[in-house]
PDB file of N, CA and C in Angstrom:
ATOM      1  N   ASP A   1      59.371  71.486 105.935  1.00  0.00           N
ATOM      2  CA  ASP A   1      58.906  70.939 104.666  1.00  0.00           C
ATOM      3  C   ASP A   1      57.832  69.882 104.908  1.00  0.00           C
ATOM      4  N   LYS A   2      56.775  69.974 104.083  1.00  0.00           N
ATOM      5  CA  LYS A   2      55.695  68.985 104.160  1.00  0.00           C
ATOM      6  C   LYS A   2      55.891  67.945 103.059  1.00  0.00           C
ATOM      7  N   PRO A   3      55.511  66.701 103.341  1.00  0.00           N
ATOM      8  CA  PRO A   3      55.565  65.709 102.253  1.00  0.00           C
ATOM      9  C   PRO A   3      54.472  65.998 101.224  1.00  0.00           C
ATOM     10  N   VAL A   4      54.814  65.860  99.976  1.00  0.00           N
ATOM     11  CA  VAL A   4      53.869  66.129  98.893  1.00  0.00           C
ATOM     12  C   VAL A   4      53.158  64.826  98.528  1.00  0.00           C
ATOM     13  N   VAL A   5      51.831  64.886  98.496  1.00  0.00           N
ATOM     14  CA  VAL A   5      51.046  63.709  98.127  1.00  0.00           C
ATOM     15  C   VAL A   5      50.615  63.861  96.671  1.00  0.00           C
ATOM     16  N   ILE A   6      51.054  62.938  95.850  1.00  0.00           N
ATOM     17  CA  ILE A   6      50.674  62.957  94.441  1.00  0.00           C
ATOM     18  C   ILE A   6      49.550  61.940  94.259  1.00  0.00           C
ATOM     19  N   PRO A   7      48.359  62.417  93.876  1.00  0.00           N
ATOM     20  CA  PRO A   7      47.239  61.477  93.730  1.00  0.00           C
ATOM     21  C   PRO A   7      47.457  60.541  92.548  1.00  0.00           C
ATOM     22  N   GLU A   8      46.896  59.331  92.678  1.00  0.00           N
ATOM     23  CA  GLU A   8      47.015  58.364  91.591  1.00  0.00           C
ATOM     24  C   GLU A   8      46.141  58.792  90.429  1.00  0.00           C
ATOM     25  N   ARG A   9      46.529  58.379  89.267  1.00  0.00           N
ATOM     26  CA  ARG A   9      45.775  58.723  88.067  1.00  0.00           C
ATOM     27  C   ARG A   9      44.430  58.009  88.074  1.00  0.00           C
ATOM     28  N   PRO A  10      43.359  58.713  87.703  1.00  0.00           N
ATOM     29  CA  PRO A  10      42.062  58.033  87.669  1.00  0.00           C
ATOM     30  C   PRO A  10      42.041  56.955  86.591  1.00  0.00           C
ATOM     31  N   LYS A  11      41.225  55.936  86.828  1.00  0.00           N
ATOM     32  CA  LYS A  11      41.111  54.846  85.861  1.00  0.00           C
ATOM     33  C   LYS A  11      40.453  55.370  84.593  1.00  0.00           C
ATOM     34  N   SER A  12      40.522  54.587  83.548  1.00  0.00           N
ATOM     35  CA  SER A  12      39.965  55.035  82.269  1.00  0.00           C
ATOM     36  C   SER A  12      38.477  55.324  82.417  1.00  0.00           C
ATOM     37  N   LYS A  13      38.057  56.425  81.819  1.00  0.00           N
ATOM     38  CA  LYS A  13      36.657  56.815  81.906  1.00  0.00           C
ATOM     39  C   LYS A  13      35.862  55.999  80.899  1.00  0.00           C
ATOM     40  N   SER A  14      34.910  55.265  81.380  1.00  0.00           N
ATOM     41  CA  SER A  14      34.070  54.467  80.498  1.00  0.00           C
ATOM     42  C   SER A  14      32.678  54.388  81.108  1.00  0.00           C
ATOM     43  N   ASN A  15      31.764  53.867  80.340  1.00  0.00           N
ATOM     44  CA  ASN A  15      30.403  53.723  80.846  1.00  0.00           C
ATOM     45  C   ASN A  15      30.386  52.681  81.956  1.00  0.00           C
ATOM     46  N   PRO A  16      29.923  53.055  83.137  1.00  0.00           N
ATOM     47  CA  PRO A  16      29.916  52.086  84.231  1.00  0.00           C
ATOM     48  C   PRO A  16      28.818  51.048  84.033  1.00  0.00           C
ATOM     49  N   LEU A  17      29.174  49.792  84.153  1.00  0.00           N
ATOM     50  CA  LEU A  17      28.234  48.673  84.095  1.00  0.00           C
ATOM     51  C   LEU A  17      27.262  48.785  82.930  1.00  0.00           C
ATOM     52  N   VAL A  18      27.772  48.592  81.755  1.00  0.00           N
ATOM     53  CA  VAL A  18      26.940  48.703  80.560  1.00  0.00           C
ATOM     54  C   VAL A  18      26.029  47.481  80.482  1.00  0.00           C
ATOM     55  N   PRO A  19      24.715  47.693  80.433  1.00  0.00           N
ATOM     56  CA  PRO A  19      23.816  46.539  80.351  1.00  0.00           C
ATOM     57  C   PRO A  19      23.913  45.870  78.979  1.00  0.00           C
ATOM     58  N   GLU A  20      23.764  44.558  78.947  1.00  0.00           N
ATOM     59  CA  GLU A  20      23.853  43.829  77.686  1.00  0.00           C
ATOM     60  C   GLU A  20      22.544  43.892  76.916  1.00  0.00           C
ATOM     61  N   PHE A  21      21.425  44.046  77.621  1.00  0.00           N
ATOM     62  CA  PHE A  21      20.117  44.063  76.971  1.00  0.00           C
ATOM     63  C   PHE A  21      19.376  45.311  77.410  1.00  0.00           C
ATOM     64  N   VAL A  22      18.955  46.124  76.460  1.00  0.00           N
ATOM     65  CA  VAL A  22      18.237  47.356  76.776  1.00  0.00           C
ATOM     66  C   VAL A  22      16.796  47.171  76.341  1.00  0.00           C
ATOM     67  N   ARG A  23      15.857  47.367  77.256  1.00  0.00           N
ATOM     68  CA  ARG A  23      14.453  47.086  76.966  1.00  0.00           C
ATOM     69  C   ARG A  23      13.711  48.279  76.393  1.00  0.00           C
ATOM     70  N   ASN A  24      14.171  49.499  76.626  1.00  0.00           N
ATOM     71  CA  ASN A  24      13.396  50.678  76.262  1.00  0.00           C
ATOM     72  C   ASN A  24      13.731  51.239  74.882  1.00  0.00           C
ATOM     73  N   VAL A  25      14.340  50.453  74.025  1.00  0.00           N
ATOM     74  CA  VAL A  25      14.697  50.958  72.707  1.00  0.00           C
ATOM     75  C   VAL A  25      13.458  50.934  71.818  1.00  0.00           C
ATOM     76  N   MET A  26      13.128  52.090  71.243  1.00  0.00           N
ATOM     77  CA  MET A  26      11.952  52.203  70.380  1.00  0.00           C
ATOM     78  C   MET A  26      12.398  52.344  68.937  1.00  0.00           C
ATOM     79  N   GLY A  27      11.501  52.061  68.041  1.00  0.00           N
ATOM     80  CA  GLY A  27      11.761  52.310  66.628  1.00  0.00           C
ATOM     81  C   GLY A  27      11.537  53.779  66.325  1.00  0.00           C
ATOM     82  N   SER A  28      11.993  54.229  65.176  1.00  0.00           N
ATOM     83  CA  SER A  28      11.877  55.646  64.843  1.00  0.00           C
ATOM     84  C   SER A  28      10.431  56.066  64.613  1.00  0.00           C
ATOM     85  N   SER A  29       9.546  55.116  64.295  1.00  0.00           N
ATOM     86  CA  SER A  29       8.153  55.472  64.039  1.00  0.00           C
ATOM     87  C   SER A  29       7.309  55.455  65.310  1.00  0.00           C
ATOM     88  N   ALA A  30       7.890  55.053  66.430  1.00  0.00           N
ATOM     89  CA  ALA A  30       7.128  54.975  67.676  1.00  0.00           C
ATOM     90  C   ALA A  30       6.906  56.377  68.225  1.00  0.00           C
ATOM     91  N   GLY A  31       5.680  56.719  68.510  1.00  0.00           N
ATOM     92  CA  GLY A  31       5.370  58.029  69.075  1.00  0.00           C
ATOM     93  C   GLY A  31       5.223  59.065  67.983  1.00  0.00           C
ATOM     94  N   ALA A  32       4.131  59.821  68.042  1.00  0.00           N
ATOM     95  CA  ALA A  32       3.870  60.779  66.970  1.00  0.00           C
ATOM     96  C   ALA A  32       4.244  62.204  67.351  1.00  0.00           C
ATOM     97  N   GLY A  33       4.254  62.514  68.650  1.00  0.00           N
ATOM     98  CA  GLY A  33       4.502  63.886  69.077  1.00  0.00           C
ATOM     99  C   GLY A  33       5.974  64.224  69.147  1.00  0.00           C
ATOM    100  N   SER A  34       6.253  65.523  69.294  1.00  0.00           N
ATOM    101  CA  SER A  34       7.652  65.955  69.350  1.00  0.00           C
ATOM    102  C   SER A  34       8.314  65.494  70.643  1.00  0.00           C
ATOM    103  N   GLY A  35       7.550  65.384  71.727  1.00  0.00           N
ATOM    104  CA  GLY A  35       8.122  64.918  72.993  1.00  0.00           C
ATOM    105  C   GLY A  35       8.633  63.500  72.884  1.00  0.00           C
ATOM    106  N   GLU A  36       7.852  62.660  72.214  1.00  0.00           N
ATOM    107  CA  GLU A  36       8.275  61.272  72.034  1.00  0.00           C
ATOM    108  C   GLU A  36       9.513  61.191  71.148  1.00  0.00           C
ATOM    109  N   PHE A  37       9.618  62.102  70.186  1.00  0.00           N
ATOM    110  CA  PHE A  37      10.797  62.091  69.326  1.00  0.00           C
ATOM    111  C   PHE A  37      12.054  62.389  70.134  1.00  0.00           C
ATOM    112  N   HIS A  38      11.969  63.329  71.071  1.00  0.00           N
ATOM    113  CA  HIS A  38      13.134  63.658  71.895  1.00  0.00           C
ATOM    114  C   HIS A  38      13.519  62.468  72.761  1.00  0.00           C
ATOM    115  N   VAL A  39      12.517  61.748  73.274  1.00  0.00           N
ATOM    116  CA  VAL A  39      12.800  60.547  74.066  1.00  0.00           C
ATOM    117  C   VAL A  39      13.483  59.507  73.186  1.00  0.00           C
ATOM    118  N   TYR A  40      12.950  59.317  71.987  1.00  0.00           N
ATOM    119  CA  TYR A  40      13.536  58.349  71.054  1.00  0.00           C
ATOM    120  C   TYR A  40      14.973  58.731  70.707  1.00  0.00           C
ATOM    121  N   ARG A  41      15.193  60.016  70.439  1.00  0.00           N
ATOM    122  CA  ARG A  41      16.530  60.477  70.060  1.00  0.00           C
ATOM    123  C   ARG A  41      17.528  60.242  71.195  1.00  0.00           C
ATOM    124  N   HIS A  42      17.092  60.510  72.426  1.00  0.00           N
ATOM    125  CA  HIS A  42      17.968  60.294  73.585  1.00  0.00           C
ATOM    126  C   HIS A  42      18.289  58.809  73.749  1.00  0.00           C
ATOM    127  N   LEU A  43      17.280  57.956  73.638  1.00  0.00           N
ATOM    128  CA  LEU A  43      17.510  56.518  73.781  1.00  0.00           C
ATOM    129  C   LEU A  43      18.400  55.991  72.657  1.00  0.00           C
ATOM    130  N   ARG A  44      18.219  56.524  71.449  1.00  0.00           N
ATOM    131  CA  ARG A  44      19.040  56.099  70.313  1.00  0.00           C
ATOM    132  C   ARG A  44      20.500  56.477  70.548  1.00  0.00           C
ATOM    133  N   ARG A  45      20.723  57.693  71.037  1.00  0.00           N
ATOM    134  CA  ARG A  45      22.095  58.145  71.306  1.00  0.00           C
ATOM    135  C   ARG A  45      22.743  57.272  72.382  1.00  0.00           C
ATOM    136  N   LYS A  46      21.961  56.930  73.423  1.00  0.00           N
ATOM    137  CA  LYS A  46      22.462  56.075  74.493  1.00  0.00           C
ATOM    138  C   LYS A  46      22.802  54.682  73.962  1.00  0.00           C
ATOM    139  N   GLU A  47      21.942  54.150  73.112  1.00  0.00           N
ATOM    140  CA  GLU A  47      22.168  52.819  72.548  1.00  0.00           C
ATOM    141  C   GLU A  47      23.398  52.813  71.645  1.00  0.00           C
ATOM    142  N   TYR A  48      23.585  53.847  70.835  1.00  0.00           N
ATOM    143  CA  TYR A  48      24.775  53.917  69.987  1.00  0.00           C
ATOM    144  C   TYR A  48      26.042  54.001  70.835  1.00  0.00           C
ATOM    145  N   ALA A  49      26.000  54.758  71.925  1.00  0.00           N
ATOM    146  CA  ALA A  49      27.161  54.859  72.818  1.00  0.00           C
ATOM    147  C   ALA A  49      27.450  53.508  73.461  1.00  0.00           C
ATOM    148  N   ARG A  50      26.392  52.779  73.828  1.00  0.00           N
ATOM    149  CA  ARG A  50      26.547  51.462  74.447  1.00  0.00           C
ATOM    150  C   ARG A  50      27.172  50.488  73.450  1.00  0.00           C
ATOM    151  N   GLN A  51      26.688  50.485  72.211  1.00  0.00           N
ATOM    152  CA  GLN A  51      27.231  49.585  71.196  1.00  0.00           C
ATOM    153  C   GLN A  51      28.683  49.922  70.870  1.00  0.00           C
ATOM    154  N   LYS A  52      29.001  51.213  70.806  1.00  0.00           N
ATOM    155  CA  LYS A  52      30.375  51.631  70.524  1.00  0.00           C
ATOM    156  C   LYS A  52      31.310  51.185  71.644  1.00  0.00           C
ATOM    157  N   PHE A  53      30.852  51.320  72.901  1.00  0.00           N
ATOM    158  CA  PHE A  53      31.660  50.907  74.045  1.00  0.00           C
ATOM    159  C   PHE A  53      31.919  49.404  73.999  1.00  0.00           C
ATOM    160  N   ILE A  54      30.885  48.620  73.681  1.00  0.00           N
ATOM    161  CA  ILE A  54      31.034  47.165  73.628  1.00  0.00           C
ATOM    162  C   ILE A  54      31.998  46.776  72.508  1.00  0.00           C
ATOM    163  N   GLN A  55      31.900  47.432  71.351  1.00  0.00           N
ATOM    164  CA  GLN A  55      32.803  47.124  70.239  1.00  0.00           C
ATOM    165  C   GLN A  55      34.244  47.478  70.578  1.00  0.00           C
ATOM    166  N   GLU A  56      34.463  48.628  71.215  1.00  0.00           N
ATOM    167  CA  GLU A  56      35.824  49.022  71.587  1.00  0.00           C
ATOM    168  C   GLU A  56      36.384  48.086  72.646  1.00  0.00           C
ATOM    169  N   LYS A  57      35.519  47.633  73.551  1.00  0.00           N
ATOM    170  CA  LYS A  57      35.954  46.715  74.600  1.00  0.00           C
ATOM    171  C   LYS A  57      36.340  45.367  73.996  1.00  0.00           C
ATOM    172  N   SER A  58      35.605  44.925  72.972  1.00  0.00           N
ATOM    173  CA  SER A  58      35.906  43.632  72.354  1.00  0.00           C
ATOM    174  C   SER A  58      37.190  43.685  71.525  1.00  0.00           C
ATOM    175  N   LYS A  59      37.576  44.867  71.038  1.00  0.00           N
ATOM    176  CA  LYS A  59      38.804  44.994  70.251  1.00  0.00           C
ATOM    177  C   LYS A  59      40.045  44.855  71.120  1.00  0.00           C
ATOM    178  N   LYS A  60      39.932  45.196  72.400  1.00  0.00           N
ATOM    179  CA  LYS A  60      41.103  45.161  73.294  1.00  0.00           C
ATOM    180  C   LYS A  60      41.461  43.756  73.704  1.00  0.00           C
TER     181      LYS A  60
END
């Protein structure tokens, strides 16, 4: 018989090292082309995720 190794549970999944100040946030009117819109949309989604993480962290 071999000893069974049970791995420890991974820690809670969260955004690693969330920065407090994000410099690359643009307004919705910044950039006229479709490429810039995709960049803006990605940065907006990232910023919303960052704000949600900070709010959930402050509630605990």
